[in-house]
């Protein structure tokens, strides 16, 4: 049991209205479509939606209680739902935040907070998988890393969890402090600092300063003042160290390729299906295989192992676990698509969830080491990278060299920003351009052939998941490729990206 109705109401600083004997709460959710038996539904209200309209649906689906505003209760609830359980608050988001804080306070888990410009979700997912082999681990679902996702994650933190991994994302300065005050991480990870969402900041240095607020409210159960885990290869590492010290962080450790790293890469062999890695972590040498391809994931693995060493984990078990890691949907998972029975499959590299200049370059390196089958081609299908500010078109044009270094045979572009890159690419490499992803999907599906390797990537707003789904839909069922199963097991584009 996660909460009782009494405990949840007290934690949320709300007023309990108990009209049913069902007082057990096993999950907390804001999504009426995800209600299961004994859920507490949080009726969040935003500028464009009001979840109070789903109250009837959530109780019909098995919810044991709902957190609602006092205004809604007076106007509607007490008249139409007098036989149901409620927690009444002035503001449901604030009530959720209070519930999350209470869960964090009662928890004995060691809490790892993760932020950064890129790599947050994959690092969170991989770390959570490996920690689950060492104890009971709780983590954000999907990319629930914002002002409602973080308190929702905390509100679902089981009292008996050993570890909690909480991803924290921001789009503007000042957004990190409220999150880290709720999470109070024992260990704070900054994966890297890059010009992601640069359109919302004056400089990349400002992004670093905003992310560094993760150090402002650290707990000390692992190390007095907490531990900051930083990427030594990133040019903003010294700035992050300075800010961490100003916030009184107890210990700073580093990972990367540069001399002086506490977790340093000694050697790695990049393969199309993974990487062989040799590293030294505070004097301990480790060799292991990572079953997710790409140099960026190798660096993330160093970060993860450094965190696990801080947590006194079984390092032999941790390194062995990397061989069973699978990519996060929309962030590098491979989808085999057989166009006809007996034909060599097309390999779709699904990077459709999001994009920034640095993650685009990493994805193109992944395309470079991916070998097409006989007769196949390397195809890059790229959508706009959004929120890059005034230099957006220029940052797209800078992808020309990485695109050609990846030995790309055909380039398909989607959106007005990516069109700037498309227009300077030699005609023999131009596969097609469209203003939107649905139109581009129609062009691409008529072009692919057996043996192709197709990289699909773009910002979430570019909706490149439509392209991935269109390619996946070309698969001929029963054609011998485990019927379109991906390395994450679905064969479909990430639905939340549509």
Foldseek 3Di string as FASTA:
>chain_A
DLDFQVRLLVLLVFDKQAQEPLGAAQAEEQDLVPAAAAHEHQQADDPVDTSVVCVVSNVVRHHQEYEDEPVCCVVPVCVPPVNGIYTYDNHRLSSLLSLLLVLLVLAPAQEEEEEEQDDQQQLLVLLQVLVVVFWAEFEFDDPLAFSRRLSSSSNNDGRHGHYYYYYHYDLAAPRQLSNLQSRQHLEYEYLAQDLALVLRDVDSVSVLVRSLSNLQRHDDPLHHSHEYEYEPPYPCVVVSVVSNVVSPRGYYAYFECDPPHQKHWPDWDFALQWMWTWIAHNNRIDTAIARAGFPSVVRSLSSSLNVCVSVVGDSVSSRHCRNLDAGDFQCFWWWWFDLDFPFATAIEGRVAAADDLVSVLRLLVSLLNNFFDVVAFEEEEEEQHPSNHPCRLVSLLVCLVSNVNSVHQAYEYEADSNVSNLVPDPPRRYQYYDPAQLVSLVSVVVPGDHRYYYYFYHHLVRLNLNNQQSRLVSHDPPRPPVGGQISVGDNGHDPVSD
